[in-house]
Amino acid sequence: MLVKLGNLATGGNLRVSIRCPGCGNVGTFEPLQNVTDIHVPPGIFLGQRMCPNPACKTHVFCVYSSTGEILRTYPPERIDFDPKGIPAPIVETFMEALTCRAEGLHVAAAIMIRRTLEELCEEKKATGNTLKDRISSLQATVVLPKELFVALDDLRLLGNDAAHIEAKTYSSIGADEVDIGIELTKEVLKAVYQLDDLLARLRALKKP
């Protein structure tokens, strides 16, 4: 049943499944108690939800269709990312890239991906006058598959295109370019900072 509210109506109150913008976990978000969603004809609902994770409880505004399809959340959903074992300055910068992507700010996201590489080089004390030089120097201190070192240079070029009008390595800086850039950056950070921990945990499970 819909209740008229001027030219709006209330109703909906569906449970929605989203990735929490706060803790990053996927969960089923229940309607807030005694708070009814607003219906905007012909079939859009505006509502408030709270993260079901007791340690988080992030308050989320969501826009969804009558079929339960999530159209938008505020704060926006971010691509999942596990920061465990990664130095704080790198995490902070990369999280800003994820936030820019969630808001549709693709150029800004690409620039922050490049800044993440700079933070990585800084943390690993890679030297050189340019980021290209520092990425090359990084090979002396970090063990990565050759393909990921190539990816680092591609990410540098993506950031260059975003930051400089005259750079034209990519025809555009949009969602596709940024999404792939984010996934590659995640793989690089995982290989540099998290692989050893995973191997240690696996080996700890072996029988004596």
N, C-alpha and C. Protein backbone atom coordinates (compact mmCIF):
# COMPACT_ATOMS: atom_id res chain seq x y z
N MET A 1 0.85 -1.19 0.00
CA MET A 1 0.00 0.00 0.00
C MET A 1 0.89 1.25 0.00
N LEU A 2 0.54 2.23 -0.83
CA LEU A 2 1.25 3.50 -0.88
C LEU A 2 0.41 4.58 -0.23
N VAL A 3 1.03 5.41 0.54
CA VAL A 3 0.33 6.50 1.21
C VAL A 3 0.73 7.81 0.55
N LYS A 4 -0.23 8.60 0.09
CA LYS A 4 0.06 9.85 -0.60
C LYS A 4 0.75 10.85 0.33
N LEU A 5 1.73 11.53 -0.20
CA LEU A 5 2.44 12.56 0.56
C LEU A 5 2.70 13.70 -0.41
N GLY A 6 1.68 14.58 -0.59
CA GLY A 6 1.77 15.60 -1.63
C GLY A 6 1.78 14.89 -2.98
N ASN A 7 2.79 15.19 -3.80
CA ASN A 7 2.90 14.50 -5.08
C ASN A 7 3.82 13.29 -4.98
N LEU A 8 4.23 12.94 -3.73
CA LEU A 8 5.01 11.75 -3.49
C LEU A 8 4.15 10.73 -2.77
N ALA A 9 4.71 9.56 -2.53
CA ALA A 9 4.00 8.55 -1.76
C ALA A 9 5.03 7.75 -0.99
N THR A 10 4.62 7.13 0.11
CA THR A 10 5.55 6.32 0.89
C THR A 10 5.23 4.85 0.68
N GLY A 11 6.23 4.00 0.81
CA GLY A 11 6.04 2.57 0.60
C GLY A 11 7.38 1.91 0.37
N GLY A 12 7.38 0.74 -0.22
CA GLY A 12 8.63 0.05 -0.50
C GLY A 12 9.17 -0.66 0.70
N ASN A 13 10.12 -0.06 1.37
CA ASN A 13 10.75 -0.61 2.57
C ASN A 13 11.30 -2.02 2.35
N LEU A 14 11.89 -2.24 1.17
CA LEU A 14 12.49 -3.53 0.87
C LEU A 14 13.84 -3.68 1.56
N ARG A 15 14.20 -4.91 1.88
CA ARG A 15 15.58 -5.18 2.29
C ARG A 15 16.44 -5.10 1.04
N VAL A 16 17.62 -4.52 1.16
CA VAL A 16 18.50 -4.38 0.00
C VAL A 16 19.87 -4.97 0.31
N SER A 17 20.47 -5.57 -0.69
CA SER A 17 21.80 -6.16 -0.54
C SER A 17 22.82 -5.26 -1.21
N ILE A 18 23.72 -4.68 -0.43
CA ILE A 18 24.74 -3.78 -0.97
C ILE A 18 26.07 -3.99 -0.24
N ARG A 19 27.13 -3.48 -0.85
CA ARG A 19 28.42 -3.45 -0.18
C ARG A 19 28.47 -2.19 0.67
N CYS A 20 28.72 -2.33 1.94
CA CYS A 20 28.69 -1.18 2.84
C CYS A 20 29.79 -0.19 2.47
N PRO A 21 29.45 1.09 2.32
CA PRO A 21 30.46 2.11 2.03
C PRO A 21 31.42 2.32 3.20
N GLY A 22 31.02 1.85 4.38
CA GLY A 22 31.87 2.03 5.55
C GLY A 22 32.86 0.91 5.76
N CYS A 23 32.35 -0.31 6.03
CA CYS A 23 33.24 -1.44 6.34
C CYS A 23 33.62 -2.27 5.12
N GLY A 24 32.92 -2.08 4.01
CA GLY A 24 33.26 -2.79 2.78
C GLY A 24 32.65 -4.17 2.66
N ASN A 25 31.90 -4.63 3.67
CA ASN A 25 31.29 -5.95 3.61
C ASN A 25 29.95 -5.90 2.87
N VAL A 26 29.62 -7.00 2.18
CA VAL A 26 28.31 -7.11 1.55
C VAL A 26 27.33 -7.63 2.59
N GLY A 27 26.17 -7.00 2.69
CA GLY A 27 25.18 -7.42 3.67
C GLY A 27 23.78 -7.09 3.23
N THR A 28 22.82 -7.65 3.96
CA THR A 28 21.41 -7.35 3.73
C THR A 28 21.01 -6.23 4.67
N PHE A 29 20.71 -5.07 4.11
CA PHE A 29 20.39 -3.88 4.89
C PHE A 29 18.89 -3.78 5.10
N GLU A 30 18.47 -3.78 6.35
CA GLU A 30 17.06 -3.69 6.70
C GLU A 30 16.62 -2.23 6.76
N PRO A 31 15.32 -1.97 6.50
CA PRO A 31 14.80 -0.60 6.68
C PRO A 31 14.95 -0.16 8.13
N LEU A 32 15.13 1.13 8.34
CA LEU A 32 15.18 1.64 9.70
C LEU A 32 13.81 1.52 10.35
N GLN A 33 13.80 1.21 11.59
CA GLN A 33 12.53 1.03 12.31
C GLN A 33 11.74 2.35 12.35
N ASN A 34 10.47 2.27 11.99
CA ASN A 34 9.54 3.40 12.00
C ASN A 34 9.91 4.51 11.01
N VAL A 35 10.72 4.17 10.01
CA VAL A 35 11.07 5.13 8.96
C VAL A 35 10.62 4.55 7.62
N THR A 36 9.64 5.17 6.99
CA THR A 36 9.06 4.64 5.76
C THR A 36 9.73 5.25 4.54
N ASP A 37 9.99 4.42 3.53
CA ASP A 37 10.60 4.90 2.30
C ASP A 37 9.66 5.83 1.55
N ILE A 38 10.24 6.70 0.73
CA ILE A 38 9.46 7.60 -0.12
C ILE A 38 9.43 7.06 -1.54
N HIS A 39 8.25 7.02 -2.12
CA HIS A 39 8.08 6.54 -3.50
C HIS A 39 7.98 7.72 -4.45
N VAL A 40 8.83 7.69 -5.50
CA VAL A 40 8.80 8.71 -6.53
C VAL A 40 8.32 8.02 -7.82
N PRO A 41 7.05 8.23 -8.22
CA PRO A 41 6.52 7.55 -9.41
C PRO A 41 7.41 7.78 -10.62
N PRO A 42 7.52 6.75 -11.53
CA PRO A 42 6.66 5.57 -11.56
C PRO A 42 7.17 4.37 -10.79
N GLY A 43 8.34 4.38 -10.22
CA GLY A 43 8.76 3.18 -9.50
C GLY A 43 10.12 3.30 -8.85
N ILE A 44 10.43 4.48 -8.33
CA ILE A 44 11.70 4.72 -7.66
C ILE A 44 11.44 4.95 -6.18
N PHE A 45 12.26 4.34 -5.34
CA PHE A 45 12.10 4.50 -3.90
C PHE A 45 13.36 5.10 -3.28
N LEU A 46 13.15 5.97 -2.30
CA LEU A 46 14.23 6.59 -1.56
C LEU A 46 14.12 6.14 -0.11
N GLY A 47 15.20 5.58 0.43
CA GLY A 47 15.09 5.07 1.78
C GLY A 47 16.39 5.15 2.55
N GLN A 48 16.31 4.87 3.84
CA GLN A 48 17.47 4.88 4.71
C GLN A 48 17.70 3.47 5.25
N ARG A 49 18.96 3.08 5.30
CA ARG A 49 19.32 1.76 5.80
C ARG A 49 20.54 1.90 6.71
N MET A 50 20.80 0.83 7.46
CA MET A 50 21.97 0.82 8.34
C MET A 50 22.72 -0.49 8.14
N CYS A 51 24.06 -0.41 8.13
CA CYS A 51 24.87 -1.61 7.95
C CYS A 51 24.56 -2.61 9.06
N PRO A 52 24.34 -3.89 8.68
CA PRO A 52 24.02 -4.90 9.70
C PRO A 52 25.23 -5.35 10.52
N ASN A 53 26.43 -4.92 10.11
CA ASN A 53 27.63 -5.27 10.87
C ASN A 53 27.64 -4.47 12.18
N PRO A 54 27.54 -5.14 13.33
CA PRO A 54 27.47 -4.42 14.61
C PRO A 54 28.65 -3.50 14.87
N ALA A 55 29.80 -3.83 14.29
CA ALA A 55 30.99 -3.01 14.49
C ALA A 55 31.02 -1.80 13.56
N CYS A 56 30.07 -1.71 12.64
CA CYS A 56 30.08 -0.62 11.66
C CYS A 56 28.85 0.28 11.80
N LYS A 57 27.69 -0.25 11.46
CA LYS A 57 26.41 0.47 11.54
C LYS A 57 26.41 1.79 10.75
N THR A 58 27.09 1.79 9.60
CA THR A 58 27.09 2.98 8.75
C THR A 58 25.67 3.28 8.27
N HIS A 59 25.28 4.54 8.33
CA HIS A 59 23.96 5.00 7.89
C HIS A 59 24.04 5.26 6.39
N VAL A 60 23.17 4.61 5.62
CA VAL A 60 23.22 4.70 4.16
C VAL A 60 21.86 5.15 3.62
N PHE A 61 21.89 6.15 2.74
CA PHE A 61 20.71 6.52 1.97
C PHE A 61 20.77 5.77 0.64
N CYS A 62 19.67 5.16 0.23
CA CYS A 62 19.70 4.40 -1.01
C CYS A 62 18.53 4.76 -1.91
N VAL A 63 18.78 4.65 -3.21
CA VAL A 63 17.77 4.86 -4.25
C VAL A 63 17.64 3.53 -4.97
N TYR A 64 16.44 2.97 -5.03
CA TYR A 64 16.27 1.66 -5.65
C TYR A 64 14.95 1.60 -6.41
N SER A 65 14.88 0.62 -7.32
CA SER A 65 13.67 0.45 -8.13
C SER A 65 12.67 -0.44 -7.40
N SER A 66 11.47 -0.55 -7.97
CA SER A 66 10.42 -1.38 -7.36
C SER A 66 10.80 -2.85 -7.36
N THR A 67 11.77 -3.25 -8.21
CA THR A 67 12.22 -4.64 -8.25
C THR A 67 13.38 -4.89 -7.28
N GLY A 68 13.83 -3.84 -6.60
CA GLY A 68 14.92 -3.98 -5.64
C GLY A 68 16.29 -3.68 -6.21
N GLU A 69 16.37 -3.24 -7.47
CA GLU A 69 17.66 -2.90 -8.07
C GLU A 69 18.19 -1.60 -7.46
N ILE A 70 19.41 -1.64 -6.96
CA ILE A 70 20.03 -0.46 -6.36
C ILE A 70 20.50 0.47 -7.47
N LEU A 71 20.01 1.70 -7.45
CA LEU A 71 20.38 2.69 -8.45
C LEU A 71 21.49 3.62 -7.95
N ARG A 72 21.50 3.87 -6.64
CA ARG A 72 22.50 4.79 -6.08
C ARG A 72 22.49 4.67 -4.56
N THR A 73 23.63 4.82 -3.96
CA THR A 73 23.68 4.90 -2.50
C THR A 73 24.51 6.13 -2.12
N TYR A 74 24.22 6.66 -0.95
CA TYR A 74 24.97 7.79 -0.40
C TYR A 74 25.33 7.46 1.05
N PRO A 75 26.60 7.31 1.43
CA PRO A 75 27.78 7.37 0.57
C PRO A 75 27.73 6.28 -0.50
N PRO A 76 28.46 6.46 -1.60
CA PRO A 76 28.42 5.48 -2.68
C PRO A 76 29.15 4.19 -2.31
N GLU A 77 28.73 3.08 -2.92
CA GLU A 77 29.45 1.82 -2.76
C GLU A 77 30.83 1.95 -3.40
N ARG A 78 31.82 1.37 -2.74
CA ARG A 78 33.18 1.40 -3.29
C ARG A 78 33.61 -0.02 -3.66
N ILE A 79 34.50 -0.12 -4.63
CA ILE A 79 35.08 -1.41 -4.99
C ILE A 79 35.77 -1.98 -3.76
N ASP A 80 35.61 -3.30 -3.54
CA ASP A 80 36.17 -3.93 -2.35
C ASP A 80 37.70 -3.89 -2.39
N PHE A 81 38.29 -3.75 -1.21
CA PHE A 81 39.74 -3.66 -1.09
C PHE A 81 40.14 -4.06 0.32
N ASP A 82 41.08 -5.00 0.41
CA ASP A 82 41.58 -5.46 1.71
C ASP A 82 42.90 -4.73 2.02
N PRO A 83 42.92 -3.84 3.00
CA PRO A 83 44.12 -3.06 3.30
C PRO A 83 45.11 -3.75 4.24
N LYS A 84 44.82 -4.97 4.64
CA LYS A 84 45.63 -5.63 5.66
C LYS A 84 47.10 -5.71 5.23
N GLY A 85 47.99 -5.25 6.10
CA GLY A 85 49.42 -5.34 5.88
C GLY A 85 50.00 -4.28 4.99
N ILE A 86 49.17 -3.39 4.45
CA ILE A 86 49.64 -2.35 3.54
C ILE A 86 49.87 -1.06 4.35
N PRO A 87 50.98 -0.38 4.17
CA PRO A 87 51.25 0.84 4.94
C PRO A 87 50.13 1.88 4.80
N ALA A 88 49.87 2.59 5.90
CA ALA A 88 48.75 3.52 5.98
C ALA A 88 48.74 4.59 4.90
N PRO A 89 49.88 5.24 4.56
CA PRO A 89 49.84 6.28 3.53
C PRO A 89 49.39 5.74 2.17
N ILE A 90 49.78 4.51 1.85
CA ILE A 90 49.37 3.89 0.59
C ILE A 90 47.88 3.59 0.62
N VAL A 91 47.41 3.05 1.73
CA VAL A 91 45.98 2.74 1.87
C VAL A 91 45.15 4.00 1.75
N GLU A 92 45.57 5.07 2.43
CA GLU A 92 44.82 6.32 2.41
C GLU A 92 44.69 6.87 0.99
N THR A 93 45.79 6.83 0.24
CA THR A 93 45.78 7.35 -1.12
C THR A 93 44.92 6.48 -2.03
N PHE A 94 45.07 5.17 -1.91
CA PHE A 94 44.30 4.27 -2.77
C PHE A 94 42.81 4.33 -2.45
N MET A 95 42.48 4.48 -1.16
CA MET A 95 41.07 4.61 -0.79
C MET A 95 40.47 5.87 -1.40
N GLU A 96 41.27 6.92 -1.52
CA GLU A 96 40.78 8.13 -2.18
C GLU A 96 40.50 7.87 -3.66
N ALA A 97 41.34 7.04 -4.28
CA ALA A 97 41.09 6.65 -5.68
C ALA A 97 39.76 5.89 -5.78
N LEU A 98 39.51 4.99 -4.84
CA LEU A 98 38.26 4.22 -4.85
C LEU A 98 37.05 5.13 -4.63
N THR A 99 37.20 6.12 -3.76
CA THR A 99 36.11 7.06 -3.51
C THR A 99 35.82 7.89 -4.76
N CYS A 100 36.87 8.36 -5.42
CA CYS A 100 36.68 9.12 -6.66
C CYS A 100 35.96 8.28 -7.70
N ARG A 101 36.36 7.01 -7.82
CA ARG A 101 35.70 6.11 -8.79
C ARG A 101 34.23 5.93 -8.43
N ALA A 102 33.94 5.75 -7.16
CA ALA A 102 32.55 5.56 -6.74
C ALA A 102 31.69 6.77 -7.06
N GLU A 103 32.28 7.95 -7.05
CA GLU A 103 31.55 9.18 -7.35
C GLU A 103 31.54 9.50 -8.84
N GLY A 104 32.16 8.63 -9.65
CA GLY A 104 32.20 8.86 -11.09
C GLY A 104 33.25 9.87 -11.51
N LEU A 105 34.20 10.18 -10.64
CA LEU A 105 35.25 11.14 -10.94
C LEU A 105 36.46 10.38 -11.49
N HIS A 106 36.38 10.00 -12.76
CA HIS A 106 37.35 9.07 -13.32
C HIS A 106 38.74 9.67 -13.47
N VAL A 107 38.82 10.92 -13.90
CA VAL A 107 40.13 11.56 -14.04
C VAL A 107 40.81 11.67 -12.68
N ALA A 108 40.06 12.09 -11.69
CA ALA A 108 40.62 12.20 -10.33
C ALA A 108 41.06 10.83 -9.82
N ALA A 109 40.27 9.80 -10.11
CA ALA A 109 40.62 8.45 -9.68
C ALA A 109 41.93 8.00 -10.31
N ALA A 110 42.11 8.28 -11.61
CA ALA A 110 43.35 7.89 -12.30
C ALA A 110 44.55 8.61 -11.71
N ILE A 111 44.37 9.88 -11.36
CA ILE A 111 45.46 10.64 -10.75
C ILE A 111 45.83 10.03 -9.39
N MET A 112 44.84 9.61 -8.62
CA MET A 112 45.12 9.02 -7.32
C MET A 112 45.71 7.62 -7.44
N ILE A 113 45.40 6.90 -8.51
CA ILE A 113 46.08 5.63 -8.75
C ILE A 113 47.56 5.88 -8.96
N ARG A 114 47.87 6.89 -9.77
CA ARG A 114 49.27 7.25 -10.00
C ARG A 114 49.94 7.66 -8.69
N ARG A 115 49.22 8.42 -7.87
CA ARG A 115 49.77 8.84 -6.57
C ARG A 115 50.02 7.61 -5.68
N THR A 116 49.19 6.59 -5.80
CA THR A 116 49.41 5.35 -5.05
C THR A 116 50.74 4.72 -5.43
N LEU A 117 51.06 4.73 -6.73
CA LEU A 117 52.35 4.20 -7.18
C LEU A 117 53.50 5.02 -6.60
N GLU A 118 53.31 6.33 -6.54
CA GLU A 118 54.35 7.18 -5.96
C GLU A 118 54.55 6.85 -4.48
N GLU A 119 53.46 6.60 -3.77
CA GLU A 119 53.55 6.23 -2.36
C GLU A 119 54.26 4.88 -2.20
N LEU A 120 53.96 3.95 -3.11
CA LEU A 120 54.63 2.65 -3.07
C LEU A 120 56.14 2.81 -3.26
N CYS A 121 56.53 3.60 -4.26
CA CYS A 121 57.95 3.84 -4.50
C CYS A 121 58.62 4.53 -3.32
N GLU A 122 57.91 5.47 -2.71
CA GLU A 122 58.44 6.17 -1.53
C GLU A 122 58.65 5.21 -0.38
N GLU A 123 57.68 4.34 -0.13
CA GLU A 123 57.76 3.41 0.98
C GLU A 123 58.88 2.40 0.78
N LYS A 124 59.11 2.01 -0.47
CA LYS A 124 60.15 1.03 -0.78
C LYS A 124 61.50 1.70 -1.09
N LYS A 125 61.54 3.03 -0.93
CA LYS A 125 62.77 3.80 -1.12
C LYS A 125 63.36 3.63 -2.53
N ALA A 126 62.47 3.56 -3.51
CA ALA A 126 62.91 3.52 -4.90
C ALA A 126 63.39 4.92 -5.29
N THR A 127 64.48 4.99 -6.05
CA THR A 127 65.08 6.28 -6.39
C THR A 127 64.93 6.59 -7.87
N GLY A 128 65.09 7.90 -8.19
CA GLY A 128 65.00 8.33 -9.58
C GLY A 128 64.35 9.69 -9.66
N ASN A 129 64.64 10.42 -10.73
CA ASN A 129 64.10 11.76 -10.90
C ASN A 129 62.63 11.76 -11.31
N THR A 130 62.20 10.73 -11.99
CA THR A 130 60.82 10.64 -12.46
C THR A 130 60.18 9.38 -11.91
N LEU A 131 58.86 9.31 -12.00
CA LEU A 131 58.17 8.10 -11.54
C LEU A 131 58.58 6.90 -12.38
N LYS A 132 58.80 7.11 -13.67
CA LYS A 132 59.26 6.03 -14.53
C LYS A 132 60.60 5.47 -14.02
N ASP A 133 61.51 6.37 -13.64
CA ASP A 133 62.80 5.94 -13.11
C ASP A 133 62.62 5.20 -11.79
N ARG A 134 61.73 5.70 -10.94
CA ARG A 134 61.53 5.07 -9.62
C ARG A 134 60.89 3.68 -9.77
N ILE A 135 59.99 3.52 -10.74
CA ILE A 135 59.40 2.21 -10.99
C ILE A 135 60.48 1.23 -11.46
N SER A 136 61.37 1.72 -12.30
CA SER A 136 62.48 0.87 -12.76
C SER A 136 63.38 0.48 -11.59
N SER A 137 63.65 1.44 -10.70
CA SER A 137 64.48 1.18 -9.52
C SER A 137 63.80 0.20 -8.57
N LEU A 138 62.49 0.21 -8.57
CA LEU A 138 61.72 -0.66 -7.68
C LEU A 138 62.03 -2.14 -7.90
N GLN A 139 62.45 -2.49 -9.10
CA GLN A 139 62.72 -3.89 -9.42
C GLN A 139 63.87 -4.46 -8.60
N ALA A 140 64.70 -3.57 -8.04
CA ALA A 140 65.83 -4.03 -7.23
C ALA A 140 65.41 -4.38 -5.80
N THR A 141 64.24 -3.91 -5.37
CA THR A 141 63.83 -4.11 -3.98
C THR A 141 62.54 -4.90 -3.82
N VAL A 142 61.79 -5.06 -4.90
CA VAL A 142 60.48 -5.74 -4.83
C VAL A 142 60.46 -6.90 -5.82
N VAL A 143 59.99 -8.04 -5.36
CA VAL A 143 59.86 -9.21 -6.24
C VAL A 143 58.43 -9.26 -6.78
N LEU A 144 58.31 -9.06 -8.08
CA LEU A 144 57.02 -9.11 -8.75
C LEU A 144 57.17 -9.84 -10.07
N PRO A 145 56.11 -10.48 -10.55
CA PRO A 145 56.15 -11.02 -11.91
C PRO A 145 56.41 -9.91 -12.91
N LYS A 146 57.10 -10.23 -13.99
CA LYS A 146 57.44 -9.24 -15.00
C LYS A 146 56.20 -8.49 -15.49
N GLU A 147 55.08 -9.23 -15.63
CA GLU A 147 53.85 -8.63 -16.14
C GLU A 147 53.35 -7.50 -15.24
N LEU A 148 53.54 -7.64 -13.91
CA LEU A 148 53.08 -6.59 -13.00
C LEU A 148 54.00 -5.36 -13.06
N PHE A 149 55.27 -5.55 -13.35
CA PHE A 149 56.14 -4.38 -13.53
C PHE A 149 55.74 -3.63 -14.80
N VAL A 150 55.36 -4.37 -15.84
CA VAL A 150 54.84 -3.72 -17.05
C VAL A 150 53.55 -2.98 -16.73
N ALA A 151 52.70 -3.59 -15.90
CA ALA A 151 51.44 -2.96 -15.51
C ALA A 151 51.69 -1.67 -14.74
N LEU A 152 52.74 -1.63 -13.92
CA LEU A 152 53.06 -0.41 -13.18
C LEU A 152 53.32 0.75 -14.13
N ASP A 153 54.03 0.47 -15.21
CA ASP A 153 54.31 1.55 -16.16
C ASP A 153 53.04 1.96 -16.90
N ASP A 154 52.18 0.99 -17.20
CA ASP A 154 50.90 1.33 -17.83
C ASP A 154 50.05 2.20 -16.91
N LEU A 155 50.06 1.89 -15.61
CA LEU A 155 49.32 2.70 -14.65
C LEU A 155 49.90 4.11 -14.55
N ARG A 156 51.22 4.20 -14.65
CA ARG A 156 51.87 5.53 -14.67
C ARG A 156 51.37 6.35 -15.86
N LEU A 157 51.29 5.71 -17.03
CA LEU A 157 50.83 6.41 -18.23
C LEU A 157 49.36 6.81 -18.11
N LEU A 158 48.56 5.96 -17.47
CA LEU A 158 47.15 6.30 -17.25
C LEU A 158 47.04 7.55 -16.39
N GLY A 159 47.87 7.62 -15.34
CA GLY A 159 47.88 8.80 -14.48
C GLY A 159 48.39 10.02 -15.20
N ASN A 160 49.37 9.84 -16.08
CA ASN A 160 49.88 10.97 -16.86
C ASN A 160 48.79 11.56 -17.74
N ASP A 161 48.04 10.70 -18.41
CA ASP A 161 46.95 11.17 -19.28
C ASP A 161 45.91 11.94 -18.47
N ALA A 162 45.66 11.47 -17.24
CA ALA A 162 44.67 12.14 -16.41
C ALA A 162 45.15 13.51 -15.94
N ALA A 163 46.46 13.62 -15.71
CA ALA A 163 47.00 14.84 -15.13
C ALA A 163 47.42 15.89 -16.15
N HIS A 164 47.73 15.44 -17.38
CA HIS A 164 48.29 16.37 -18.37
C HIS A 164 47.49 16.34 -19.66
N ILE A 165 47.03 17.49 -20.10
CA ILE A 165 46.20 17.59 -21.30
C ILE A 165 46.95 17.10 -22.53
N GLU A 166 48.25 17.34 -22.57
CA GLU A 166 49.00 17.00 -23.78
C GLU A 166 49.30 15.51 -23.88
N ALA A 167 49.18 14.75 -22.78
CA ALA A 167 49.44 13.31 -22.81
C ALA A 167 48.25 12.59 -23.46
N LYS A 168 48.55 11.72 -24.44
CA LYS A 168 47.47 11.07 -25.18
C LYS A 168 47.72 9.57 -25.36
N THR A 169 48.23 8.91 -24.33
CA THR A 169 48.45 7.47 -24.43
C THR A 169 47.12 6.73 -24.54
N TYR A 170 46.11 7.19 -23.79
CA TYR A 170 44.78 6.60 -23.82
C TYR A 170 43.82 7.56 -24.51
N SER A 171 42.85 6.98 -25.26
CA SER A 171 41.90 7.83 -25.98
C SER A 171 40.95 8.54 -25.03
N SER A 172 40.73 7.95 -23.86
CA SER A 172 39.85 8.57 -22.86
C SER A 172 40.20 8.03 -21.49
N ILE A 173 39.76 8.75 -20.47
CA ILE A 173 39.88 8.27 -19.09
C ILE A 173 38.46 8.11 -18.56
N GLY A 174 37.95 6.90 -18.64
CA GLY A 174 36.57 6.64 -18.22
C GLY A 174 36.51 5.49 -17.24
N ALA A 175 35.30 4.97 -17.02
CA ALA A 175 35.09 3.91 -16.04
C ALA A 175 35.90 2.66 -16.36
N ASP A 176 35.94 2.27 -17.63
CA ASP A 176 36.65 1.04 -18.00
C ASP A 176 38.14 1.15 -17.69
N GLU A 177 38.75 2.26 -18.10
CA GLU A 177 40.18 2.45 -17.86
C GLU A 177 40.49 2.47 -16.36
N VAL A 178 39.66 3.18 -15.62
CA VAL A 178 39.90 3.31 -14.18
C VAL A 178 39.66 1.98 -13.46
N ASP A 179 38.61 1.25 -13.84
CA ASP A 179 38.33 -0.03 -13.18
C ASP A 179 39.48 -1.02 -13.37
N ILE A 180 40.01 -1.08 -14.59
CA ILE A 180 41.14 -1.98 -14.84
C ILE A 180 42.36 -1.49 -14.07
N GLY A 181 42.57 -0.17 -14.03
CA GLY A 181 43.67 0.40 -13.27
C GLY A 181 43.59 0.05 -11.80
N ILE A 182 42.39 0.11 -11.25
CA ILE A 182 42.19 -0.23 -9.84
C ILE A 182 42.49 -1.70 -9.59
N GLU A 183 42.00 -2.57 -10.46
CA GLU A 183 42.24 -4.00 -10.28
C GLU A 183 43.72 -4.33 -10.37
N LEU A 184 44.43 -3.71 -11.30
CA LEU A 184 45.86 -3.94 -11.41
C LEU A 184 46.61 -3.43 -10.18
N THR A 185 46.20 -2.27 -9.69
CA THR A 185 46.84 -1.72 -8.50
C THR A 185 46.62 -2.63 -7.30
N LYS A 186 45.44 -3.17 -7.17
CA LYS A 186 45.15 -4.11 -6.08
C LYS A 186 46.06 -5.33 -6.16
N GLU A 187 46.27 -5.85 -7.38
CA GLU A 187 47.13 -7.02 -7.56
C GLU A 187 48.57 -6.70 -7.20
N VAL A 188 49.03 -5.51 -7.57
CA VAL A 188 50.40 -5.10 -7.23
C VAL A 188 50.56 -5.01 -5.71
N LEU A 189 49.62 -4.34 -5.04
CA LEU A 189 49.71 -4.18 -3.59
C LEU A 189 49.60 -5.54 -2.88
N LYS A 190 48.77 -6.40 -3.41
CA LYS A 190 48.63 -7.73 -2.82
C LYS A 190 49.95 -8.50 -2.94
N ALA A 191 50.59 -8.43 -4.12
CA ALA A 191 51.84 -9.16 -4.32
C ALA A 191 52.97 -8.60 -3.46
N VAL A 192 53.00 -7.28 -3.30
CA VAL A 192 54.09 -6.65 -2.55
C VAL A 192 53.93 -6.83 -1.05
N TYR A 193 52.71 -6.69 -0.55
CA TYR A 193 52.51 -6.62 0.90
C TYR A 193 51.76 -7.79 1.53
N GLN A 194 51.02 -8.55 0.76
CA GLN A 194 50.14 -9.53 1.38
C GLN A 194 50.47 -10.98 1.06
N LEU A 195 51.22 -11.22 -0.01
CA LEU A 195 51.49 -12.60 -0.41
C LEU A 195 52.28 -13.36 0.64
N ASP A 196 53.33 -12.73 1.19
CA ASP A 196 54.15 -13.41 2.19
C ASP A 196 53.32 -13.80 3.40
N ASP A 197 52.41 -12.93 3.81
CA ASP A 197 51.56 -13.23 4.97
C ASP A 197 50.64 -14.41 4.67
N LEU A 198 50.08 -14.46 3.47
CA LEU A 198 49.22 -15.58 3.10
C LEU A 198 49.98 -16.89 3.09
N LEU A 199 51.21 -16.86 2.55
CA LEU A 199 52.03 -18.07 2.51
C LEU A 199 52.39 -18.53 3.92
N ALA A 200 52.71 -17.56 4.79
CA ALA A 200 53.05 -17.90 6.18
C ALA A 200 51.86 -18.53 6.88
N ARG A 201 50.67 -18.01 6.64
CA ARG A 201 49.47 -18.57 7.28
C ARG A 201 49.19 -19.97 6.77
N LEU A 202 49.42 -20.19 5.47
CA LEU A 202 49.20 -21.53 4.92
C LEU A 202 50.20 -22.53 5.49
N ARG A 203 51.47 -22.11 5.55
CA ARG A 203 52.50 -23.01 6.07
C ARG A 203 52.30 -23.33 7.55
N ALA A 204 51.69 -22.39 8.27
CA ALA A 204 51.43 -22.62 9.70
C ALA A 204 50.39 -23.72 9.91
N LEU A 205 49.64 -24.03 8.90
CA LEU A 205 48.61 -25.06 9.00
C LEU A 205 49.16 -26.47 8.74
N LYS A 206 50.41 -26.54 8.28
CA LYS A 206 51.01 -27.84 8.00
C LYS A 206 51.23 -28.62 9.29
N LYS A 207 51.19 -29.93 9.18
CA LYS A 207 51.47 -30.76 10.34
C LYS A 207 52.94 -30.65 10.72
N PRO A 208 53.24 -30.72 12.02
CA PRO A 208 54.64 -30.64 12.47
C PRO A 208 55.45 -31.80 11.90
